[in-house]
N, C-alpha and C. Protein backbone atom coordinates (compact mmCIF):
# COMPACT_ATOMS: atom_id res chain seq x y z
N GLN A 1 107.59 63.31 99.41
CA GLN A 1 107.72 63.78 100.78
C GLN A 1 108.06 65.27 100.77
N VAL A 2 107.40 66.01 101.64
CA VAL A 2 107.62 67.46 101.76
C VAL A 2 108.05 67.76 103.19
N GLN A 3 109.01 68.65 103.34
CA GLN A 3 109.46 69.06 104.66
C GLN A 3 109.29 70.57 104.82
N LEU A 4 108.89 70.97 106.02
CA LEU A 4 108.84 72.38 106.39
C LEU A 4 109.80 72.59 107.55
N VAL A 5 110.67 73.57 107.42
CA VAL A 5 111.61 73.90 108.49
C VAL A 5 111.39 75.35 108.89
N ASP A 6 110.97 75.54 110.13
CA ASP A 6 110.75 76.91 110.60
C ASP A 6 111.84 77.31 111.58
N SER A 7 112.08 78.62 111.64
CA SER A 7 113.17 79.14 112.46
C SER A 7 112.92 80.61 112.79
N GLY A 8 113.77 81.15 113.68
CA GLY A 8 113.72 82.58 113.97
C GLY A 8 113.19 82.94 115.33
N GLY A 9 112.76 81.95 116.10
CA GLY A 9 112.25 82.27 117.43
C GLY A 9 113.35 82.67 118.38
N GLY A 10 112.96 83.07 119.58
CA GLY A 10 113.94 83.47 120.58
C GLY A 10 113.28 84.20 121.72
N LEU A 11 114.13 84.82 122.54
CA LEU A 11 113.68 85.60 123.70
C LEU A 11 113.75 87.08 123.34
N VAL A 12 112.67 87.79 123.58
CA VAL A 12 112.63 89.22 123.25
C VAL A 12 111.86 89.94 124.34
N GLN A 13 112.21 91.19 124.57
CA GLN A 13 111.51 91.99 125.58
C GLN A 13 110.18 92.49 125.03
N PRO A 14 109.23 92.77 125.90
CA PRO A 14 107.96 93.36 125.44
C PRO A 14 108.22 94.61 124.61
N GLY A 15 107.48 94.72 123.50
CA GLY A 15 107.67 95.84 122.58
C GLY A 15 108.67 95.56 121.49
N GLY A 16 109.38 94.45 121.61
CA GLY A 16 110.40 94.10 120.62
C GLY A 16 109.83 93.41 119.40
N SER A 17 110.73 92.99 118.52
CA SER A 17 110.35 92.38 117.25
C SER A 17 111.12 91.09 117.02
N LEU A 18 110.49 90.20 116.28
CA LEU A 18 111.13 88.97 115.80
C LEU A 18 110.59 88.68 114.41
N ARG A 19 111.40 87.97 113.63
CA ARG A 19 110.97 87.55 112.29
C ARG A 19 111.14 86.05 112.19
N LEU A 20 110.03 85.35 111.97
CA LEU A 20 110.04 83.90 111.79
C LEU A 20 110.09 83.58 110.30
N SER A 21 110.79 82.51 109.98
CA SER A 21 110.88 82.07 108.59
C SER A 21 110.56 80.59 108.50
N CYS A 22 110.07 80.19 107.34
CA CYS A 22 109.75 78.78 107.10
C CYS A 22 110.04 78.47 105.65
N ALA A 23 110.76 77.38 105.43
CA ALA A 23 111.10 76.96 104.06
C ALA A 23 110.54 75.57 103.80
N ALA A 24 109.87 75.43 102.68
CA ALA A 24 109.33 74.14 102.26
C ALA A 24 110.23 73.54 101.20
N SER A 25 110.46 72.23 101.28
CA SER A 25 111.31 71.55 100.30
C SER A 25 110.77 70.15 100.05
N GLY A 26 111.26 69.53 98.96
CA GLY A 26 110.83 68.19 98.62
C GLY A 26 110.05 68.17 97.33
N ARG A 27 109.17 67.18 97.18
CA ARG A 27 108.37 67.02 95.97
C ARG A 27 107.15 67.95 96.04
N ILE A 28 107.33 69.14 95.51
CA ILE A 28 106.30 70.16 95.59
C ILE A 28 105.84 70.52 94.19
N PHE A 29 104.55 70.29 93.93
CA PHE A 29 103.96 70.75 92.67
C PHE A 29 103.46 72.17 92.84
N THR A 30 102.67 72.37 93.89
CA THR A 30 102.20 73.71 94.20
C THR A 30 101.86 73.80 95.68
N ILE A 31 102.01 74.99 96.22
CA ILE A 31 101.63 75.26 97.61
C ILE A 31 100.44 76.20 97.60
N TYR A 32 99.40 75.80 98.24
CA TYR A 32 98.21 76.64 98.35
C TYR A 32 98.42 77.59 99.52
N ALA A 33 97.58 77.55 100.54
CA ALA A 33 97.73 78.46 101.67
C ALA A 33 98.97 78.11 102.49
N MET A 34 99.60 79.14 103.02
CA MET A 34 100.69 78.98 104.00
C MET A 34 100.26 79.73 105.26
N ASN A 35 100.48 79.13 106.40
CA ASN A 35 99.91 79.65 107.64
C ASN A 35 100.94 79.60 108.77
N TRP A 36 100.70 80.44 109.76
CA TRP A 36 101.41 80.35 111.02
C TRP A 36 100.39 80.10 112.13
N TYR A 37 100.66 79.09 112.94
CA TYR A 37 99.88 78.79 114.12
C TYR A 37 100.78 79.00 115.34
N ARG A 38 100.16 79.07 116.51
CA ARG A 38 100.92 79.09 117.75
C ARG A 38 100.18 78.32 118.83
N GLN A 39 100.96 77.82 119.76
CA GLN A 39 100.38 77.10 120.89
C GLN A 39 101.11 77.49 122.16
N ALA A 40 100.37 78.08 123.06
CA ALA A 40 100.91 78.46 124.36
C ALA A 40 100.68 77.31 125.34
N PRO A 41 101.47 77.25 126.42
CA PRO A 41 101.31 76.17 127.39
C PRO A 41 99.90 76.11 127.93
N GLY A 42 99.32 74.91 127.89
CA GLY A 42 97.98 74.72 128.43
C GLY A 42 96.86 75.22 127.55
N LYS A 43 97.18 75.68 126.34
CA LYS A 43 96.16 76.20 125.45
C LYS A 43 96.14 75.43 124.13
N GLN A 44 95.04 75.57 123.41
CA GLN A 44 94.93 74.92 122.11
C GLN A 44 95.74 75.68 121.07
N ARG A 45 96.15 74.96 120.03
CA ARG A 45 96.84 75.60 118.93
C ARG A 45 95.87 76.54 118.22
N GLU A 46 96.34 77.76 117.90
CA GLU A 46 95.46 78.73 117.25
C GLU A 46 96.11 79.27 115.98
N LEU A 47 95.27 79.61 115.01
CA LEU A 47 95.74 80.19 113.77
C LEU A 47 96.08 81.65 113.99
N VAL A 48 97.28 82.04 113.61
CA VAL A 48 97.75 83.41 113.80
C VAL A 48 97.59 84.23 112.52
N ALA A 49 98.06 83.65 111.41
CA ALA A 49 98.03 84.39 110.15
C ALA A 49 98.04 83.40 108.99
N THR A 50 97.43 83.80 107.89
CA THR A 50 97.38 82.96 106.71
C THR A 50 97.61 83.79 105.46
N ILE A 51 98.19 83.18 104.44
CA ILE A 51 98.40 83.86 103.16
C ILE A 51 98.17 82.86 102.04
N THR A 52 97.35 83.26 101.07
CA THR A 52 97.07 82.39 99.93
C THR A 52 98.19 82.48 98.91
N SER A 53 98.13 81.62 97.89
CA SER A 53 99.14 81.67 96.85
C SER A 53 99.09 82.98 96.08
N GLY A 54 97.93 83.60 96.09
CA GLY A 54 97.78 84.89 95.41
C GLY A 54 98.14 86.08 96.27
N GLY A 55 98.45 85.83 97.54
CA GLY A 55 98.90 86.91 98.41
C GLY A 55 97.85 87.50 99.33
N THR A 56 96.65 86.95 99.32
CA THR A 56 95.62 87.43 100.24
C THR A 56 95.96 86.99 101.66
N THR A 57 95.88 87.92 102.60
CA THR A 57 96.26 87.63 103.98
C THR A 57 95.08 87.76 104.93
N ASN A 58 95.21 87.08 106.06
CA ASN A 58 94.20 87.19 107.11
C ASN A 58 94.90 86.96 108.43
N TYR A 59 94.43 87.65 109.48
CA TYR A 59 95.09 87.61 110.78
C TYR A 59 94.10 87.38 111.90
N ALA A 60 94.59 86.76 112.97
CA ALA A 60 93.81 86.70 114.19
C ALA A 60 93.67 88.12 114.73
N ASP A 61 92.54 88.40 115.36
CA ASP A 61 92.30 89.74 115.89
C ASP A 61 93.40 90.16 116.86
N SER A 62 93.94 89.21 117.60
CA SER A 62 94.93 89.52 118.64
C SER A 62 96.26 90.02 118.07
N VAL A 63 96.50 89.79 116.77
CA VAL A 63 97.79 90.19 116.19
C VAL A 63 97.65 91.22 115.07
N LYS A 64 96.44 91.57 114.71
CA LYS A 64 96.23 92.54 113.63
C LYS A 64 96.93 93.85 113.94
N GLY A 65 97.62 94.37 112.93
CA GLY A 65 98.34 95.62 113.09
C GLY A 65 99.72 95.47 113.69
N ARG A 66 100.05 94.27 114.19
CA ARG A 66 101.37 94.04 114.78
C ARG A 66 102.18 93.01 113.99
N PHE A 67 101.51 92.01 113.44
CA PHE A 67 102.18 90.94 112.70
C PHE A 67 101.91 91.09 111.20
N THR A 68 102.89 90.69 110.39
CA THR A 68 102.73 90.71 108.94
C THR A 68 103.25 89.41 108.37
N ILE A 69 102.40 88.72 107.60
CA ILE A 69 102.80 87.48 106.95
C ILE A 69 103.13 87.78 105.49
N SER A 70 104.16 87.12 104.98
CA SER A 70 104.55 87.30 103.58
C SER A 70 105.10 85.98 103.06
N ARG A 71 105.13 85.83 101.74
CA ARG A 71 105.64 84.59 101.16
C ARG A 71 106.37 84.89 99.85
N ASP A 72 107.27 83.99 99.53
CA ASP A 72 107.99 84.03 98.25
C ASP A 72 107.67 82.73 97.53
N ASN A 73 106.80 82.79 96.54
CA ASN A 73 106.37 81.58 95.86
C ASN A 73 107.51 80.90 95.09
N ALA A 74 108.44 81.68 94.60
CA ALA A 74 109.57 81.11 93.86
C ALA A 74 110.49 80.29 94.76
N LYS A 75 110.58 80.70 96.02
CA LYS A 75 111.49 80.03 96.97
C LYS A 75 110.74 79.12 97.93
N ASN A 76 109.42 79.06 97.82
CA ASN A 76 108.60 78.24 98.73
C ASN A 76 108.85 78.59 100.19
N THR A 77 108.87 79.86 100.49
CA THR A 77 109.10 80.31 101.86
C THR A 77 107.96 81.21 102.33
N VAL A 78 107.79 81.24 103.64
CA VAL A 78 106.82 82.14 104.26
C VAL A 78 107.47 82.73 105.50
N CYS A 79 107.19 84.00 105.76
CA CYS A 79 107.76 84.68 106.92
C CYS A 79 106.65 85.31 107.74
N LEU A 80 106.95 85.53 109.00
CA LEU A 80 106.04 86.24 109.90
C LEU A 80 106.85 87.30 110.63
N GLN A 81 106.61 88.55 110.29
CA GLN A 81 107.24 89.67 110.99
C GLN A 81 106.37 90.03 112.17
N MET A 82 106.95 89.97 113.37
CA MET A 82 106.19 90.21 114.58
C MET A 82 106.75 91.45 115.27
N ASN A 83 105.94 92.49 115.38
CA ASN A 83 106.35 93.74 116.03
C ASN A 83 105.50 93.98 117.26
N SER A 84 105.96 94.89 118.09
CA SER A 84 105.22 95.26 119.32
C SER A 84 104.80 94.02 120.09
N LEU A 85 105.73 93.13 120.29
CA LEU A 85 105.42 91.86 120.94
C LEU A 85 104.99 92.05 122.39
N LYS A 86 104.08 91.19 122.81
CA LYS A 86 103.52 91.23 124.16
C LYS A 86 103.80 89.90 124.85
N PRO A 87 103.81 89.88 126.18
CA PRO A 87 104.02 88.61 126.88
C PRO A 87 103.02 87.53 126.45
N GLU A 88 101.81 87.93 126.12
CA GLU A 88 100.80 86.94 125.71
C GLU A 88 101.06 86.36 124.33
N ASP A 89 102.06 86.86 123.61
CA ASP A 89 102.47 86.26 122.35
C ASP A 89 103.41 85.07 122.56
N THR A 90 103.82 84.85 123.80
CA THR A 90 104.71 83.73 124.10
C THR A 90 104.04 82.41 123.74
N ALA A 91 104.72 81.62 122.92
CA ALA A 91 104.16 80.35 122.45
C ALA A 91 105.18 79.66 121.56
N VAL A 92 104.88 78.42 121.22
CA VAL A 92 105.61 77.76 120.14
C VAL A 92 104.86 78.07 118.84
N TYR A 93 105.58 78.58 117.87
CA TYR A 93 104.98 78.96 116.59
C TYR A 93 105.30 77.88 115.55
N TYR A 94 104.26 77.49 114.80
CA TYR A 94 104.38 76.43 113.82
C TYR A 94 104.02 76.94 112.43
N CYS A 95 104.86 76.64 111.48
CA CYS A 95 104.56 76.89 110.08
C CYS A 95 103.67 75.75 109.57
N ASN A 96 102.74 76.07 108.70
CA ASN A 96 101.83 75.08 108.13
C ASN A 96 101.61 75.41 106.66
N ALA A 97 101.52 74.38 105.83
CA ALA A 97 101.28 74.63 104.41
C ALA A 97 100.41 73.53 103.82
N ILE A 98 99.54 73.92 102.91
CA ILE A 98 98.72 72.98 102.15
C ILE A 98 99.42 72.77 100.82
N VAL A 99 99.91 71.54 100.60
CA VAL A 99 100.83 71.28 99.49
C VAL A 99 100.32 70.15 98.62
N ASN A 100 100.38 70.37 97.31
CA ASN A 100 100.17 69.28 96.36
C ASN A 100 101.55 68.75 95.97
N ASP A 101 101.77 67.46 96.27
CA ASP A 101 103.08 66.84 96.05
C ASP A 101 103.08 65.93 94.82
N TYR A 102 102.30 66.24 93.84
CA TYR A 102 102.15 65.51 92.58
C TYR A 102 101.26 64.27 92.71
N VAL A 103 100.99 63.88 93.96
CA VAL A 103 100.16 62.70 94.20
C VAL A 103 98.84 63.11 94.84
N SER A 104 98.96 63.92 95.85
CA SER A 104 97.78 64.35 96.58
C SER A 104 98.05 65.69 97.23
N THR A 105 97.00 66.29 97.78
CA THR A 105 97.12 67.54 98.52
C THR A 105 97.06 67.23 99.99
N GLN A 106 98.10 67.65 100.73
CA GLN A 106 98.19 67.31 102.14
C GLN A 106 98.57 68.52 102.95
N ASN A 107 98.39 68.35 104.24
CA ASN A 107 98.67 69.39 105.23
C ASN A 107 100.02 69.06 105.88
N TYR A 108 100.99 69.98 105.79
CA TYR A 108 102.31 69.75 106.36
C TYR A 108 102.61 70.77 107.46
N TRP A 109 103.44 70.35 108.42
CA TRP A 109 103.78 71.19 109.57
C TRP A 109 105.29 71.28 109.74
N GLY A 110 105.74 72.44 110.19
CA GLY A 110 107.11 72.59 110.64
C GLY A 110 107.25 72.03 112.05
N GLN A 111 108.49 72.03 112.54
CA GLN A 111 108.75 71.42 113.84
C GLN A 111 108.44 72.37 115.00
N GLY A 112 108.26 73.63 114.69
CA GLY A 112 107.94 74.63 115.72
C GLY A 112 109.17 75.39 116.18
N THR A 113 108.95 76.65 116.52
CA THR A 113 110.03 77.49 117.05
C THR A 113 109.48 78.29 118.23
N GLN A 114 110.24 78.32 119.32
CA GLN A 114 109.77 78.94 120.56
C GLN A 114 109.95 80.46 120.49
N VAL A 115 108.89 81.18 120.83
CA VAL A 115 108.95 82.63 120.99
C VAL A 115 108.59 82.95 122.43
N THR A 116 109.50 83.63 123.12
CA THR A 116 109.27 84.02 124.50
C THR A 116 109.40 85.53 124.62
N VAL A 117 108.34 86.17 125.12
CA VAL A 117 108.33 87.62 125.30
C VAL A 117 108.32 87.89 126.80
N SER A 118 109.43 88.41 127.29
CA SER A 118 109.57 88.60 128.73
C SER A 118 110.65 89.63 129.00
N SER A 119 110.45 90.36 130.11
CA SER A 119 111.47 91.32 130.52
C SER A 119 112.40 90.69 131.55
């Protein structure tokens, strides 16, 4: 069993910054891609940023130049630094990881953390 716990959300004014963190624990052989998704009210969940085990990153066009994803393979953690936040960034943000748990490779999710950008 693998668990992902994400944290760091909150209320921030437009133009502000937040840093989200996610820690994976449990029976972990290896973690492949680690990702951040978000879901705004009434909208589908969307991929925000992804990072491979080798450190290759990719971002949604809407966050390029403002968000930075990073990971620590030794600690099984992934972070999302969010700068120049806009009201349209308001959503629940979910950590996601593709994990081999010695038995199989599965897709795991964090519980989500609320980010609200408002003045």
